[in-house]
Amino acid sequence: MDYQKTYEQYQKYGKGKKFEEHPDYNRYKKEQGWYEKVKSKRTGSFYQAEDLIKRELVPEDWQPRTKVNGTPVQYPLKTVNEIYRIRLVDGSEWLKSRQMWKGLDTAGNEIDLAMNDKKMYDCGRPQYSRKPEDPKDKSRDAKLVQTIDRVEKEIKYTLPFSPDEAQRLYDMKNGQRCNLVIVDSSDHPPVTVPSFEHFKSTPFEELWEMVTTPKYKLDRNYGDNLDNSHIG
């Protein structure tokens, strides 16, 4: 969940305090704390190994994480471990992913934080009520104004599905195992897809049928019995 964007939406409706009472706000604060440790307050950029070495913030024998060619990796280092392909009731398809981010603090320590489903947020659906403009006016013809009574949850996705976007996310698995999951708008639970090529290239309806249709493997003896029966 993109908690920053969600928080901004609730603030737009004047319900920021309500969001602060929600468990998601704790996750928002945790992420803000992580950013404060791994980003420069002066530049707003993520700390990089070259910066820490140049500013002599790390010991002389400190060894940064490097790429295959020996150059330091760029932070945040993002590893995708799960990708979801989602079809909504309107037929649109979207992608979201589960990721682990690594950042450097000023001492050269890598700090991990799970960053899940960042391509979705709660845009909020305001529910309105009409109330007297003057709370003290109890007359039947008191002037009424429309106000936002509450905000109900409404999830929005921000990354449309395409084979290229699926490939880009898959390339971020950095040699780690990456689960592939499809989700339909029905009540059917999410289903794992074993092949990435099918995940990114097969039309959703065909892919859904492929991974949800039960597959039976006949026992050889049972098969022999069928061969010897009258069933053709």
C-alpha atoms as a PDB file:
ATOM      1  CA  MET A   1       0.000   0.000   0.000  1.00  0.00           C
ATOM      2  CA  ASP A   2       1.195   3.497  -0.814  1.00  0.00           C
ATOM      3  CA  TYR A   3       0.600   4.914   2.665  1.00  0.00           C
ATOM      4  CA  GLN A   4       1.901   8.379   1.796  1.00  0.00           C
ATOM      5  CA  LYS A   5      -0.624   8.790  -1.012  1.00  0.00           C
ATOM      6  CA  THR A   6      -3.388   7.286   1.126  1.00  0.00           C
ATOM      7  CA  TYR A   7      -2.655   9.720   3.954  1.00  0.00           C
ATOM      8  CA  GLU A   8      -2.732  12.648   1.521  1.00  0.00           C
ATOM      9  CA  GLN A   9      -6.136  11.527   0.232  1.00  0.00           C
ATOM     10  CA  TYR A  10      -7.613  11.416   3.723  1.00  0.00           C
ATOM     11  CA  GLN A  11      -6.113  14.817   4.504  1.00  0.00           C
ATOM     12  CA  LYS A  12      -7.724  16.179   1.327  1.00  0.00           C
ATOM     13  CA  TYR A  13     -11.107  15.183   2.710  1.00  0.00           C
ATOM     14  CA  GLY A  14     -10.275  16.674   6.103  1.00  0.00           C
ATOM     15  CA  LYS A  15     -10.065  13.198   7.658  1.00  0.00           C
ATOM     16  CA  GLY A  16      -6.327  12.987   8.300  1.00  0.00           C
ATOM     17  CA  LYS A  17      -6.948  12.439  12.012  1.00  0.00           C
ATOM     18  CA  LYS A  18      -9.141   9.459  11.191  1.00  0.00           C
ATOM     19  CA  PHE A  19      -6.336   7.889   9.158  1.00  0.00           C
ATOM     20  CA  GLU A  20      -3.986   8.418  12.109  1.00  0.00           C
ATOM     21  CA  GLU A  21      -6.275   6.164  14.149  1.00  0.00           C
ATOM     22  CA  HIS A  22      -5.981   3.387  11.563  1.00  0.00           C
ATOM     23  CA  PRO A  23      -3.350   0.586  11.813  1.00  0.00           C
ATOM     24  CA  ASP A  24      -2.023   1.654   8.386  1.00  0.00           C
ATOM     25  CA  TYR A  25      -0.776   4.858   9.994  1.00  0.00           C
ATOM     26  CA  ASN A  26       1.698   2.849  12.092  1.00  0.00           C
ATOM     27  CA  ARG A  27       3.116   1.376   8.899  1.00  0.00           C
ATOM     28  CA  TYR A  28       3.298   4.861   7.410  1.00  0.00           C
ATOM     29  CA  LYS A  29       5.310   6.080  10.402  1.00  0.00           C
ATOM     30  CA  LYS A  30       7.638   3.064  10.183  1.00  0.00           C
ATOM     31  CA  GLU A  31       8.380   3.843   6.552  1.00  0.00           C
ATOM     32  CA  GLN A  32       8.979   7.514   7.341  1.00  0.00           C
ATOM     33  CA  GLY A  33      11.469   6.447  10.033  1.00  0.00           C
ATOM     34  CA  TRP A  34      13.286   4.245   7.519  1.00  0.00           C
ATOM     35  CA  TYR A  35      13.553   7.092   5.018  1.00  0.00           C
ATOM     36  CA  GLU A  36      14.975   9.365   7.717  1.00  0.00           C
ATOM     37  CA  LYS A  37      17.792   6.868   8.324  1.00  0.00           C
ATOM     38  CA  VAL A  38      18.743   6.178   4.709  1.00  0.00           C
ATOM     39  CA  LYS A  39      18.236   9.580   3.050  1.00  0.00           C
ATOM     40  CA  SER A  40      20.149  12.806   3.467  1.00  0.00           C
ATOM     41  CA  LYS A  41      18.141  15.572   5.107  1.00  0.00           C
ATOM     42  CA  ARG A  42      20.252  18.081   3.173  1.00  0.00           C
ATOM     43  CA  THR A  43      19.774  16.714  -0.342  1.00  0.00           C
ATOM     44  CA  GLY A  44      16.838  14.349   0.056  1.00  0.00           C
ATOM     45  CA  SER A  45      18.819  11.662  -1.782  1.00  0.00           C
ATOM     46  CA  PHE A  46      19.565   8.128  -0.629  1.00  0.00           C
ATOM     47  CA  TYR A  47      23.002   7.630   0.885  1.00  0.00           C
ATOM     48  CA  GLN A  48      25.436   5.922  -1.499  1.00  0.00           C
ATOM     49  CA  ALA A  49      28.635   4.036  -0.700  1.00  0.00           C
ATOM     50  CA  GLU A  50      30.747   6.575  -2.617  1.00  0.00           C
ATOM     51  CA  ASP A  51      29.338   9.433  -0.519  1.00  0.00           C
ATOM     52  CA  LEU A  52      30.034   7.710   2.797  1.00  0.00           C
ATOM     53  CA  ILE A  53      33.599   6.864   1.774  1.00  0.00           C
ATOM     54  CA  LYS A  54      34.280  10.381   0.447  1.00  0.00           C
ATOM     55  CA  ARG A  55      32.944  11.964   3.637  1.00  0.00           C
ATOM     56  CA  GLU A  56      34.923   9.482   5.765  1.00  0.00           C
ATOM     57  CA  LEU A  57      31.805   8.364   7.591  1.00  0.00           C
ATOM     58  CA  VAL A  58      32.765   4.691   7.389  1.00  0.00           C
ATOM     59  CA  PRO A  59      35.941   2.857   8.524  1.00  0.00           C
ATOM     60  CA  GLU A  60      38.802   2.532   6.041  1.00  0.00           C
ATOM     61  CA  ASP A  61      38.307  -1.239   5.860  1.00  0.00           C
ATOM     62  CA  TRP A  62      34.573  -0.952   5.168  1.00  0.00           C
ATOM     63  CA  GLN A  63      33.553  -2.947   2.094  1.00  0.00           C
ATOM     64  CA  PRO A  64      30.428  -1.843   0.226  1.00  0.00           C
ATOM     65  CA  ARG A  65      28.111  -4.235  -1.574  1.00  0.00           C
ATOM     66  CA  THR A  66      29.164  -4.356  -5.233  1.00  0.00           C
ATOM     67  CA  LYS A  67      27.812  -5.378  -8.621  1.00  0.00           C
ATOM     68  CA  VAL A  68      29.375  -8.155 -10.707  1.00  0.00           C
ATOM     69  CA  ASN A  69      31.693  -5.589 -12.312  1.00  0.00           C
ATOM     70  CA  GLY A  70      32.965  -4.515  -8.883  1.00  0.00           C
ATOM     71  CA  THR A  71      31.246  -1.116  -8.708  1.00  0.00           C
ATOM     72  CA  PRO A  72      29.100  -0.325  -5.649  1.00  0.00           C
ATOM     73  CA  VAL A  73      25.363  -0.961  -6.003  1.00  0.00           C
ATOM     74  CA  GLN A  74      23.030   2.005  -6.057  1.00  0.00           C
ATOM     75  CA  TYR A  75      20.602   2.408  -3.173  1.00  0.00           C
ATOM     76  CA  PRO A  76      17.845   1.795  -2.520  1.00  0.00           C
ATOM     77  CA  LEU A  77      18.519  -1.764  -3.626  1.00  0.00           C
ATOM     78  CA  LYS A  78      15.115  -3.231  -4.536  1.00  0.00           C
ATOM     79  CA  THR A  79      14.406  -6.965  -4.776  1.00  0.00           C
ATOM     80  CA  VAL A  80      11.049  -8.213  -6.029  1.00  0.00           C
ATOM     81  CA  ASN A  81       9.913 -11.482  -4.432  1.00  0.00           C
ATOM     82  CA  GLU A  82       6.273 -11.652  -5.546  1.00  0.00           C
ATOM     83  CA  ILE A  83       4.303 -10.245  -8.488  1.00  0.00           C
ATOM     84  CA  TYR A  84       0.515 -10.086  -8.781  1.00  0.00           C
ATOM     85  CA  ARG A  85      -1.463  -9.795 -11.998  1.00  0.00           C
ATOM     86  CA  ILE A  86      -4.953  -8.587 -11.106  1.00  0.00           C
ATOM     87  CA  ARG A  87      -8.137  -8.397 -13.163  1.00  0.00           C
ATOM     88  CA  LEU A  88     -10.906  -6.119 -11.882  1.00  0.00           C
ATOM     89  CA  VAL A  89     -14.643  -6.393 -12.547  1.00  0.00           C
ATOM     90  CA  ASP A  90     -14.384  -3.863 -15.376  1.00  0.00           C
ATOM     91  CA  GLY A  91     -11.899  -6.138 -17.169  1.00  0.00           C
ATOM     92  CA  SER A  92      -8.877  -3.901 -16.585  1.00  0.00           C
ATOM     93  CA  GLU A  93      -5.643  -5.570 -15.533  1.00  0.00           C
ATOM     94  CA  TRP A  94      -3.084  -4.276 -13.072  1.00  0.00           C
ATOM     95  CA  LEU A  95       0.213  -5.221 -11.478  1.00  0.00           C
ATOM     96  CA  LYS A  96       1.428  -4.993  -7.924  1.00  0.00           C
ATOM     97  CA  SER A  97       4.461  -6.510  -6.248  1.00  0.00           C
ATOM     98  CA  ARG A  98       6.026  -7.386  -2.942  1.00  0.00           C
ATOM     99  CA  GLN A  99       9.532  -5.999  -2.575  1.00  0.00           C
ATOM    100  CA  MET A 100      12.390  -5.755  -0.101  1.00  0.00           C
ATOM    101  CA  TRP A 101      14.295  -2.482  -0.105  1.00  0.00           C
ATOM    102  CA  LYS A 102      17.759  -1.954   1.323  1.00  0.00           C
ATOM    103  CA  GLY A 103      19.175   1.438   2.189  1.00  0.00           C
ATOM    104  CA  LEU A 104      22.429   2.624   3.769  1.00  0.00           C
ATOM    105  CA  ASP A 105      22.576   4.617   6.975  1.00  0.00           C
ATOM    106  CA  THR A 106      25.424   7.043   7.666  1.00  0.00           C
ATOM    107  CA  ALA A 107      27.451   4.299   9.373  1.00  0.00           C
ATOM    108  CA  GLY A 108      27.354   2.105   6.259  1.00  0.00           C
ATOM    109  CA  ASN A 109      24.827  -0.370   7.626  1.00  0.00           C
ATOM    110  CA  GLU A 110      22.232  -1.795   5.285  1.00  0.00           C
ATOM    111  CA  ILE A 111      18.715  -1.387   6.657  1.00  0.00           C
ATOM    112  CA  ASP A 112      15.945  -3.558   5.200  1.00  0.00           C
ATOM    113  CA  LEU A 113      12.277  -2.731   4.897  1.00  0.00           C
ATOM    114  CA  ALA A 114       9.499  -4.641   3.156  1.00  0.00           C
ATOM    115  CA  MET A 115       7.764  -2.422   0.609  1.00  0.00           C
ATOM    116  CA  ASN A 116       4.595  -4.221  -0.443  1.00  0.00           C
ATOM    117  CA  ASP A 117       1.861  -3.279  -2.895  1.00  0.00           C
ATOM    118  CA  LYS A 118       3.169   0.232  -3.538  1.00  0.00           C
ATOM    119  CA  LYS A 119       1.243   0.414  -6.811  1.00  0.00           C
ATOM    120  CA  MET A 120      -2.072   0.634  -4.972  1.00  0.00           C
ATOM    121  CA  TYR A 121      -3.535   3.071  -2.471  1.00  0.00           C
ATOM    122  CA  ASP A 122      -6.738   3.835  -0.612  1.00  0.00           C
ATOM    123  CA  CYS A 123      -8.181   6.808  -2.483  1.00  0.00           C
ATOM    124  CA  GLY A 124     -11.083   7.021  -0.031  1.00  0.00           C
ATOM    125  CA  ARG A 125     -14.749   7.327  -0.966  1.00  0.00           C
ATOM    126  CA  PRO A 126     -16.339  10.203   0.942  1.00  0.00           C
ATOM    127  CA  GLN A 127     -19.794   9.671   2.415  1.00  0.00           C
ATOM    128  CA  TYR A 128     -21.786  12.882   2.788  1.00  0.00           C
ATOM    129  CA  SER A 129     -24.444  14.120   5.167  1.00  0.00           C
ATOM    130  CA  ARG A 130     -26.417  17.351   5.451  1.00  0.00           C
ATOM    131  CA  LYS A 131     -26.221  19.323   8.665  1.00  0.00           C
ATOM    132  CA  PRO A 132     -27.413  22.772   9.818  1.00  0.00           C
ATOM    133  CA  GLU A 133     -24.916  25.470   8.900  1.00  0.00           C
ATOM    134  CA  ASP A 134     -25.478  26.894  12.385  1.00  0.00           C
ATOM    135  CA  PRO A 135     -25.489  24.024  14.935  1.00  0.00           C
ATOM    136  CA  LYS A 136     -27.493  26.235  17.294  1.00  0.00           C
ATOM    137  CA  ASP A 137     -30.292  26.716  14.768  1.00  0.00           C
ATOM    138  CA  LYS A 138     -32.810  23.990  15.601  1.00  0.00           C
ATOM    139  CA  SER A 139     -35.609  25.340  13.391  1.00  0.00           C
ATOM    140  CA  ARG A 140     -37.126  23.178  10.686  1.00  0.00           C
ATOM    141  CA  ASP A 141     -36.087  25.618   7.955  1.00  0.00           C
ATOM    142  CA  ALA A 142     -32.473  25.917   9.140  1.00  0.00           C
ATOM    143  CA  LYS A 143     -29.973  26.279   6.296  1.00  0.00           C
ATOM    144  CA  LEU A 144     -28.299  22.953   5.606  1.00  0.00           C
ATOM    145  CA  VAL A 145     -24.796  22.370   4.288  1.00  0.00           C
ATOM    146  CA  GLN A 146     -23.270  19.212   2.881  1.00  0.00           C
ATOM    147  CA  THR A 147     -20.344  17.834   4.863  1.00  0.00           C
ATOM    148  CA  ILE A 148     -18.177  14.736   4.661  1.00  0.00           C
ATOM    149  CA  ASP A 149     -19.422  12.409   7.360  1.00  0.00           C
ATOM    150  CA  ARG A 150     -16.839   9.645   6.880  1.00  0.00           C
ATOM    151  CA  VAL A 151     -14.467   8.171   4.320  1.00  0.00           C
ATOM    152  CA  GLU A 152     -14.867   4.566   3.228  1.00  0.00           C
ATOM    153  CA  LYS A 153     -12.020   2.488   1.854  1.00  0.00           C
ATOM    154  CA  GLU A 154     -11.660   2.301  -1.919  1.00  0.00           C
ATOM    155  CA  ILE A 155      -8.550   0.734  -3.454  1.00  0.00           C
ATOM    156  CA  LYS A 156      -7.034   2.167  -6.618  1.00  0.00           C
ATOM    157  CA  TYR A 157      -4.249   0.570  -8.655  1.00  0.00           C
ATOM    158  CA  THR A 158      -1.673   2.671 -10.465  1.00  0.00           C
ATOM    159  CA  LEU A 159       0.381   0.246 -12.603  1.00  0.00           C
ATOM    160  CA  PRO A 160      -1.545  -1.142 -15.608  1.00  0.00           C
ATOM    161  CA  PHE A 161      -0.546  -4.639 -16.660  1.00  0.00           C
ATOM    162  CA  SER A 162       1.615  -5.080 -19.732  1.00  0.00           C
ATOM    163  CA  PRO A 163       4.152  -7.760 -20.660  1.00  0.00           C
ATOM    164  CA  ASP A 164       6.926  -5.147 -20.563  1.00  0.00           C
ATOM    165  CA  GLU A 165       6.014  -3.984 -17.038  1.00  0.00           C
ATOM    166  CA  ALA A 166       5.771  -7.594 -15.856  1.00  0.00           C
ATOM    167  CA  GLN A 167       9.228  -8.249 -17.305  1.00  0.00           C
ATOM    168  CA  ARG A 168      10.653  -5.132 -15.646  1.00  0.00           C
ATOM    169  CA  LEU A 169       9.436  -6.296 -12.238  1.00  0.00           C
ATOM    170  CA  TYR A 170      10.627  -9.860 -12.829  1.00  0.00           C
ATOM    171  CA  ASP A 171      14.096  -8.576 -13.725  1.00  0.00           C
ATOM    172  CA  MET A 172      14.249  -7.055 -10.234  1.00  0.00           C
ATOM    173  CA  LYS A 173      14.219 -10.442  -8.492  1.00  0.00           C
ATOM    174  CA  ASN A 174      18.037 -10.239  -8.356  1.00  0.00           C
ATOM    175  CA  GLY A 175      18.552 -13.965  -8.523  1.00  0.00           C
ATOM    176  CA  GLN A 176      16.036 -14.667  -5.771  1.00  0.00           C
ATOM    177  CA  ARG A 177      12.892 -16.764  -5.964  1.00  0.00           C
ATOM    178  CA  CYS A 178       9.904 -14.780  -7.212  1.00  0.00           C
ATOM    179  CA  ASN A 179       6.326 -16.019  -6.795  1.00  0.00           C
ATOM    180  CA  LEU A 180       3.870 -15.247  -9.583  1.00  0.00           C
ATOM    181  CA  VAL A 181       0.205 -14.864  -8.650  1.00  0.00           C
ATOM    182  CA  ILE A 182      -2.970 -14.000 -10.553  1.00  0.00           C
ATOM    183  CA  VAL A 183      -6.089 -12.630  -8.918  1.00  0.00           C
ATOM    184  CA  ASP A 184      -9.548 -12.425 -10.468  1.00  0.00           C
ATOM    185  CA  SER A 185     -12.248 -10.047  -9.282  1.00  0.00           C
ATOM    186  CA  SER A 186     -14.382 -13.013  -8.226  1.00  0.00           C
ATOM    187  CA  ASP A 187     -14.346 -14.597  -4.792  1.00  0.00           C
ATOM    188  CA  HIS A 188     -11.876 -17.213  -6.012  1.00  0.00           C
ATOM    189  CA  PRO A 189      -8.620 -17.089  -4.003  1.00  0.00           C
ATOM    190  CA  PRO A 190      -5.337 -16.028  -5.649  1.00  0.00           C
ATOM    191  CA  VAL A 191      -3.649 -18.697  -7.758  1.00  0.00           C
ATOM    192  CA  THR A 192       0.057 -19.288  -8.332  1.00  0.00           C
ATOM    193  CA  VAL A 193       1.384 -19.395 -11.895  1.00  0.00           C
ATOM    194  CA  PRO A 194       4.419 -21.687 -12.369  1.00  0.00           C
ATOM    195  CA  SER A 195       5.673 -20.155 -15.642  1.00  0.00           C
ATOM    196  CA  PHE A 196       6.710 -16.532 -16.066  1.00  0.00           C
ATOM    197  CA  GLU A 197       6.245 -16.705 -19.844  1.00  0.00           C
ATOM    198  CA  HIS A 198       2.618 -17.730 -19.337  1.00  0.00           C
ATOM    199  CA  PHE A 199       2.230 -15.097 -16.593  1.00  0.00           C
ATOM    200  CA  LYS A 200       3.278 -12.211 -18.843  1.00  0.00           C
ATOM    201  CA  SER A 201       2.139 -13.348 -22.291  1.00  0.00           C
ATOM    202  CA  THR A 202      -1.032 -15.458 -21.938  1.00  0.00           C
ATOM    203  CA  PRO A 203      -4.411 -13.663 -22.096  1.00  0.00           C
ATOM    204  CA  PHE A 204      -5.929 -13.524 -18.616  1.00  0.00           C
ATOM    205  CA  GLU A 205      -8.980 -15.687 -19.301  1.00  0.00           C
ATOM    206  CA  GLU A 206      -6.866 -18.410 -20.862  1.00  0.00           C
ATOM    207  CA  LEU A 207      -4.281 -18.192 -18.089  1.00  0.00           C
ATOM    208  CA  TRP A 208      -6.954 -18.300 -15.376  1.00  0.00           C
ATOM    209  CA  GLU A 209      -8.523 -21.403 -16.880  1.00  0.00           C
ATOM    210  CA  MET A 210      -5.105 -22.990 -17.272  1.00  0.00           C
ATOM    211  CA  VAL A 211      -4.127 -22.616 -13.593  1.00  0.00           C
ATOM    212  CA  THR A 212      -7.529 -23.267 -12.018  1.00  0.00           C
ATOM    213  CA  THR A 213      -8.646 -26.319 -13.993  1.00  0.00           C
ATOM    214  CA  PRO A 214      -7.964 -29.484 -11.924  1.00  0.00           C
ATOM    215  CA  LYS A 215      -5.486 -31.847 -13.514  1.00  0.00           C
ATOM    216  CA  TYR A 216      -5.879 -35.568 -12.820  1.00  0.00           C
ATOM    217  CA  LYS A 217      -3.181 -38.161 -13.263  1.00  0.00           C
ATOM    218  CA  LEU A 218      -4.580 -41.660 -13.799  1.00  0.00           C
ATOM    219  CA  ASP A 219      -3.031 -44.498 -11.871  1.00  0.00           C
ATOM    220  CA  ARG A 220      -1.566 -47.015 -14.335  1.00  0.00           C
ATOM    221  CA  ASN A 221      -3.663 -49.874 -12.946  1.00  0.00           C
ATOM    222  CA  TYR A 222      -6.795 -47.746 -13.230  1.00  0.00           C
ATOM    223  CA  GLY A 223      -5.815 -46.871 -16.773  1.00  0.00           C
ATOM    224  CA  ASP A 224      -5.339 -50.569 -17.587  1.00  0.00           C
ATOM    225  CA  ASN A 225      -8.778 -51.321 -16.192  1.00  0.00           C
ATOM    226  CA  LEU A 226     -10.253 -48.671 -18.435  1.00  0.00           C
ATOM    227  CA  ASP A 227      -8.431 -50.180 -21.420  1.00  0.00           C
ATOM    228  CA  ASN A 228     -10.014 -53.550 -20.672  1.00  0.00           C
ATOM    229  CA  SER A 229     -13.491 -52.172 -20.026  1.00  0.00           C
ATOM    230  CA  HIS A 230     -16.309 -51.425 -22.427  1.00  0.00           C
ATOM    231  CA  ILE A 231     -15.648 -47.670 -22.049  1.00  0.00           C
ATOM    232  CA  GLY A 232     -14.277 -46.372 -25.327  1.00  0.00           C
END
